Amino acid sequence: MPHNHTELLEHIKSDMPSDEILQDLGDLFKIFGDSTRIKIMYALHEDEMCVCAIAELLGMTQSAISHQLKTLKSANLVASRRDGKTIYYHLSDEHVKSIIAQGYEHITE
């Protein structure tokens, strides 16, 4: 005899976000699919840094780092502040810090 899933499905449908929200969520996770961006976010999880420090840390050009930071900023994962001529980057909020920390904890268990 087949299961009656009507109640379960109605409950889930009532809580299901819109397709647009789910698309945005998928796009957010795509950003985490690039190892360079993950390295940048992990470094920024530790402390704020300027482009030249991130480039030196990762052994990459400042141009390559700037390109990745632009992607991260457009996704609101990274923010910046100016101090004189230098721009310092940091993770945009506690949510992003939590995602990085929980992801790291999950894979190292």
N, C-alpha and C. Protein backbone atom coordinates (compact mmCIF):
# COMPACT_ATOMS: atom_id res chain seq x y z
N MET A 1 0.85 -1.18 0.00
CA MET A 1 0.00 0.00 0.00
C MET A 1 0.90 1.25 0.00
N PRO A 2 0.65 2.21 -0.90
CA PRO A 2 1.48 3.42 -0.96
C PRO A 2 1.30 4.29 0.27
N HIS A 3 2.33 5.02 0.59
CA HIS A 3 2.29 5.96 1.70
C HIS A 3 1.46 7.18 1.32
N ASN A 4 0.82 7.77 2.30
CA ASN A 4 0.11 9.02 2.08
C ASN A 4 1.03 10.15 2.54
N HIS A 5 1.57 10.89 1.58
CA HIS A 5 2.51 11.96 1.89
C HIS A 5 1.87 13.33 1.85
N THR A 6 0.58 13.39 1.73
CA THR A 6 -0.11 14.66 1.53
C THR A 6 0.22 15.68 2.62
N GLU A 7 0.11 15.28 3.86
CA GLU A 7 0.35 16.21 4.96
C GLU A 7 1.81 16.69 4.97
N LEU A 8 2.73 15.76 4.77
CA LEU A 8 4.14 16.11 4.73
C LEU A 8 4.43 17.09 3.60
N LEU A 9 3.92 16.78 2.41
CA LEU A 9 4.18 17.63 1.25
C LEU A 9 3.57 19.01 1.40
N GLU A 10 2.40 19.10 1.96
CA GLU A 10 1.76 20.40 2.19
C GLU A 10 2.57 21.23 3.18
N HIS A 11 3.08 20.57 4.21
CA HIS A 11 3.91 21.26 5.20
C HIS A 11 5.17 21.83 4.54
N ILE A 12 5.84 21.00 3.76
CA ILE A 12 7.08 21.43 3.10
C ILE A 12 6.78 22.52 2.07
N LYS A 13 5.73 22.36 1.29
CA LYS A 13 5.36 23.38 0.29
C LYS A 13 5.09 24.72 0.95
N SER A 14 4.46 24.71 2.11
CA SER A 14 4.13 25.97 2.78
C SER A 14 5.38 26.69 3.29
N ASP A 15 6.45 25.94 3.56
CA ASP A 15 7.70 26.53 4.04
C ASP A 15 8.74 26.74 2.95
N MET A 16 8.47 26.23 1.75
CA MET A 16 9.45 26.29 0.66
C MET A 16 9.62 27.73 0.17
N PRO A 17 10.86 28.21 0.12
CA PRO A 17 11.09 29.56 -0.42
C PRO A 17 10.76 29.61 -1.91
N SER A 18 10.66 30.81 -2.43
CA SER A 18 10.36 30.98 -3.85
C SER A 18 11.51 30.45 -4.70
N ASP A 19 11.23 30.19 -5.97
CA ASP A 19 12.27 29.74 -6.89
C ASP A 19 13.40 30.76 -6.98
N GLU A 20 13.05 32.03 -6.93
CA GLU A 20 14.06 33.09 -7.01
C GLU A 20 15.03 33.01 -5.83
N ILE A 21 14.48 32.83 -4.64
CA ILE A 21 15.33 32.71 -3.44
C ILE A 21 16.21 31.47 -3.53
N LEU A 22 15.65 30.36 -3.97
CA LEU A 22 16.44 29.13 -4.08
C LEU A 22 17.52 29.27 -5.15
N GLN A 23 17.23 29.98 -6.24
CA GLN A 23 18.24 30.25 -7.27
C GLN A 23 19.38 31.08 -6.68
N ASP A 24 19.02 32.12 -5.90
CA ASP A 24 20.03 32.95 -5.25
C ASP A 24 20.89 32.13 -4.30
N LEU A 25 20.27 31.20 -3.58
CA LEU A 25 21.01 30.33 -2.67
C LEU A 25 21.98 29.45 -3.44
N GLY A 26 21.52 28.90 -4.56
CA GLY A 26 22.40 28.09 -5.40
C GLY A 26 23.57 28.90 -5.93
N ASP A 27 23.30 30.15 -6.34
CA ASP A 27 24.36 31.02 -6.83
C ASP A 27 25.37 31.33 -5.73
N LEU A 28 24.88 31.52 -4.51
CA LEU A 28 25.77 31.77 -3.38
C LEU A 28 26.72 30.60 -3.18
N PHE A 29 26.19 29.38 -3.21
CA PHE A 29 27.04 28.22 -2.99
C PHE A 29 28.01 27.99 -4.14
N LYS A 30 27.67 28.43 -5.35
CA LYS A 30 28.61 28.34 -6.47
C LYS A 30 29.86 29.15 -6.18
N ILE A 31 29.70 30.28 -5.53
CA ILE A 31 30.84 31.13 -5.19
C ILE A 31 31.80 30.38 -4.28
N PHE A 32 31.28 29.54 -3.41
CA PHE A 32 32.11 28.75 -2.51
C PHE A 32 32.80 27.59 -3.24
N GLY A 33 32.47 27.38 -4.50
CA GLY A 33 33.03 26.28 -5.27
C GLY A 33 34.40 26.56 -5.85
N ASP A 34 34.94 27.75 -5.64
CA ASP A 34 36.24 28.12 -6.18
C ASP A 34 37.27 28.12 -5.05
N SER A 35 38.33 27.35 -5.21
CA SER A 35 39.30 27.21 -4.11
C SER A 35 40.03 28.51 -3.81
N THR A 36 40.27 29.34 -4.81
CA THR A 36 40.92 30.63 -4.53
C THR A 36 40.03 31.50 -3.67
N ARG A 37 38.74 31.55 -3.98
CA ARG A 37 37.83 32.36 -3.16
C ARG A 37 37.74 31.80 -1.75
N ILE A 38 37.75 30.49 -1.62
CA ILE A 38 37.73 29.87 -0.28
C ILE A 38 38.99 30.25 0.49
N LYS A 39 40.14 30.23 -0.16
CA LYS A 39 41.39 30.61 0.51
C LYS A 39 41.32 32.06 0.97
N ILE A 40 40.81 32.92 0.12
CA ILE A 40 40.68 34.34 0.49
C ILE A 40 39.75 34.48 1.69
N MET A 41 38.59 33.83 1.63
CA MET A 41 37.65 33.95 2.75
C MET A 41 38.21 33.35 4.03
N TYR A 42 38.97 32.25 3.91
CA TYR A 42 39.57 31.67 5.10
C TYR A 42 40.58 32.63 5.71
N ALA A 43 41.40 33.24 4.86
CA ALA A 43 42.38 34.22 5.35
C ALA A 43 41.67 35.39 6.02
N LEU A 44 40.60 35.87 5.41
CA LEU A 44 39.86 37.00 5.97
C LEU A 44 39.07 36.60 7.21
N HIS A 45 38.84 35.32 7.38
CA HIS A 45 38.21 34.83 8.60
C HIS A 45 39.14 35.08 9.79
N GLU A 46 40.44 35.03 9.51
CA GLU A 46 41.44 35.24 10.56
C GLU A 46 41.63 36.72 10.89
N ASP A 47 41.67 37.57 9.84
CA ASP A 47 41.89 39.00 10.06
C ASP A 47 41.66 39.74 8.75
N GLU A 48 41.44 41.04 8.85
CA GLU A 48 41.30 41.83 7.63
C GLU A 48 42.67 41.97 6.97
N MET A 49 42.65 42.11 5.64
CA MET A 49 43.90 42.17 4.89
C MET A 49 43.72 43.07 3.67
N CYS A 50 44.84 43.63 3.19
CA CYS A 50 44.83 44.38 1.94
C CYS A 50 45.11 43.41 0.79
N VAL A 51 44.87 43.86 -0.42
CA VAL A 51 45.06 43.02 -1.60
C VAL A 51 46.49 42.50 -1.68
N CYS A 52 47.47 43.37 -1.43
CA CYS A 52 48.86 42.94 -1.58
C CYS A 52 49.22 41.85 -0.57
N ALA A 53 48.68 41.91 0.65
CA ALA A 53 48.95 40.88 1.65
C ALA A 53 48.31 39.55 1.24
N ILE A 54 47.07 39.61 0.73
CA ILE A 54 46.40 38.38 0.28
C ILE A 54 47.17 37.77 -0.88
N ALA A 55 47.60 38.62 -1.83
CA ALA A 55 48.36 38.13 -2.98
C ALA A 55 49.65 37.45 -2.55
N GLU A 56 50.35 38.06 -1.61
CA GLU A 56 51.59 37.47 -1.11
C GLU A 56 51.31 36.14 -0.40
N LEU A 57 50.29 36.12 0.43
CA LEU A 57 49.92 34.91 1.16
C LEU A 57 49.63 33.75 0.22
N LEU A 58 48.88 34.03 -0.84
CA LEU A 58 48.44 32.96 -1.74
C LEU A 58 49.37 32.76 -2.94
N GLY A 59 50.41 33.60 -3.05
CA GLY A 59 51.33 33.45 -4.16
C GLY A 59 50.69 33.75 -5.50
N MET A 60 49.84 34.77 -5.52
CA MET A 60 49.12 35.15 -6.73
C MET A 60 49.33 36.63 -7.01
N THR A 61 48.92 37.06 -8.19
CA THR A 61 49.04 38.48 -8.52
C THR A 61 47.94 39.28 -7.83
N GLN A 62 48.22 40.55 -7.63
CA GLN A 62 47.21 41.43 -7.04
C GLN A 62 45.99 41.52 -7.95
N SER A 63 46.22 41.49 -9.25
CA SER A 63 45.12 41.54 -10.21
C SER A 63 44.18 40.34 -10.05
N ALA A 64 44.76 39.16 -9.89
CA ALA A 64 43.94 37.95 -9.71
C ALA A 64 43.15 38.01 -8.41
N ILE A 65 43.79 38.50 -7.36
CA ILE A 65 43.11 38.62 -6.07
C ILE A 65 41.99 39.66 -6.16
N SER A 66 42.26 40.79 -6.80
CA SER A 66 41.25 41.84 -6.95
C SER A 66 40.03 41.31 -7.70
N HIS A 67 40.28 40.50 -8.72
CA HIS A 67 39.17 39.92 -9.50
C HIS A 67 38.29 39.05 -8.59
N GLN A 68 38.92 38.22 -7.76
CA GLN A 68 38.15 37.36 -6.87
C GLN A 68 37.44 38.17 -5.79
N LEU A 69 38.10 39.21 -5.29
CA LEU A 69 37.46 40.06 -4.28
C LEU A 69 36.23 40.77 -4.85
N LYS A 70 36.30 41.15 -6.10
CA LYS A 70 35.14 41.78 -6.74
C LYS A 70 33.95 40.82 -6.74
N THR A 71 34.20 39.57 -7.07
CA THR A 71 33.14 38.55 -7.05
C THR A 71 32.59 38.38 -5.64
N LEU A 72 33.48 38.31 -4.66
CA LEU A 72 33.06 38.12 -3.27
C LEU A 72 32.29 39.33 -2.75
N LYS A 73 32.72 40.53 -3.14
CA LYS A 73 32.01 41.75 -2.72
C LYS A 73 30.63 41.82 -3.36
N SER A 74 30.52 41.44 -4.63
CA SER A 74 29.22 41.52 -5.30
C SER A 74 28.23 40.53 -4.69
N ALA A 75 28.73 39.48 -4.05
CA ALA A 75 27.87 38.51 -3.37
C ALA A 75 27.67 38.87 -1.90
N ASN A 76 28.19 40.03 -1.49
CA ASN A 76 28.09 40.49 -0.10
C ASN A 76 28.73 39.54 0.89
N LEU A 77 29.78 38.86 0.45
CA LEU A 77 30.51 37.98 1.35
C LEU A 77 31.72 38.68 1.96
N VAL A 78 32.22 39.68 1.26
CA VAL A 78 33.38 40.45 1.70
C VAL A 78 33.03 41.93 1.64
N ALA A 79 33.53 42.68 2.60
CA ALA A 79 33.35 44.13 2.63
C ALA A 79 34.74 44.76 2.75
N SER A 80 34.80 46.07 2.63
CA SER A 80 36.09 46.73 2.69
C SER A 80 35.99 48.05 3.45
N ARG A 81 37.17 48.52 3.87
CA ARG A 81 37.27 49.84 4.48
C ARG A 81 38.56 50.47 3.99
N ARG A 82 38.54 51.76 3.85
CA ARG A 82 39.72 52.49 3.38
C ARG A 82 40.43 53.12 4.57
N ASP A 83 41.75 53.01 4.56
CA ASP A 83 42.60 53.67 5.54
C ASP A 83 43.69 54.38 4.73
N GLY A 84 43.50 55.66 4.49
CA GLY A 84 44.41 56.39 3.61
C GLY A 84 44.27 55.89 2.18
N LYS A 85 45.38 55.44 1.62
CA LYS A 85 45.34 54.91 0.26
C LYS A 85 45.11 53.40 0.22
N THR A 86 45.11 52.77 1.36
CA THR A 86 45.00 51.31 1.43
C THR A 86 43.56 50.90 1.71
N ILE A 87 43.11 49.88 0.99
CA ILE A 87 41.79 49.30 1.23
C ILE A 87 41.98 47.95 1.90
N TYR A 88 41.33 47.79 3.03
CA TYR A 88 41.39 46.54 3.77
C TYR A 88 40.08 45.78 3.58
N TYR A 89 40.20 44.47 3.37
CA TYR A 89 39.05 43.62 3.16
C TYR A 89 38.81 42.74 4.38
N HIS A 90 37.55 42.45 4.64
CA HIS A 90 37.16 41.58 5.74
C HIS A 90 35.87 40.87 5.36
N LEU A 91 35.57 39.78 6.06
CA LEU A 91 34.30 39.10 5.82
C LEU A 91 33.18 40.05 6.21
N SER A 92 32.10 40.03 5.45
CA SER A 92 31.08 41.06 5.59
C SER A 92 30.29 40.99 6.88
N ASP A 93 30.08 39.79 7.43
CA ASP A 93 29.32 39.70 8.67
C ASP A 93 29.52 38.35 9.35
N GLU A 94 28.86 38.19 10.47
CA GLU A 94 29.00 36.96 11.26
C GLU A 94 28.46 35.73 10.52
N HIS A 95 27.47 35.93 9.63
CA HIS A 95 26.94 34.79 8.87
C HIS A 95 28.03 34.15 8.03
N VAL A 96 28.81 35.00 7.36
CA VAL A 96 29.88 34.49 6.50
C VAL A 96 30.95 33.81 7.35
N LYS A 97 31.30 34.41 8.47
CA LYS A 97 32.26 33.79 9.37
C LYS A 97 31.77 32.42 9.82
N SER A 98 30.49 32.33 10.12
CA SER A 98 29.90 31.07 10.56
C SER A 98 29.93 30.01 9.46
N ILE A 99 29.64 30.41 8.23
CA ILE A 99 29.67 29.47 7.10
C ILE A 99 31.07 28.88 6.95
N ILE A 100 32.08 29.75 6.99
CA ILE A 100 33.46 29.29 6.85
C ILE A 100 33.84 28.37 8.01
N ALA A 101 33.53 28.79 9.21
CA ALA A 101 33.89 28.00 10.40
C ALA A 101 33.17 26.65 10.41
N GLN A 102 31.88 26.65 10.10
CA GLN A 102 31.13 25.39 10.12
C GLN A 102 31.56 24.46 8.99
N GLY A 103 31.86 25.03 7.82
CA GLY A 103 32.34 24.22 6.72
C GLY A 103 33.67 23.54 7.08
N TYR A 104 34.57 24.33 7.67
CA TYR A 104 35.87 23.80 8.09
C TYR A 104 35.66 22.70 9.14
N GLU A 105 34.82 22.97 10.11
CA GLU A 105 34.56 21.99 11.17
C GLU A 105 33.98 20.70 10.58
N HIS A 106 33.08 20.84 9.62
CA HIS A 106 32.44 19.67 9.02
C HIS A 106 33.46 18.77 8.31
N ILE A 107 34.36 19.38 7.53
CA ILE A 107 35.28 18.55 6.76
C ILE A 107 36.44 18.02 7.60
N THR A 108 36.69 18.60 8.76
CA THR A 108 37.80 18.13 9.59
C THR A 108 37.36 17.20 10.71
N GLU A 109 36.08 16.88 10.78
CA GLU A 109 35.61 15.94 11.82
C GLU A 109 36.10 14.54 11.54
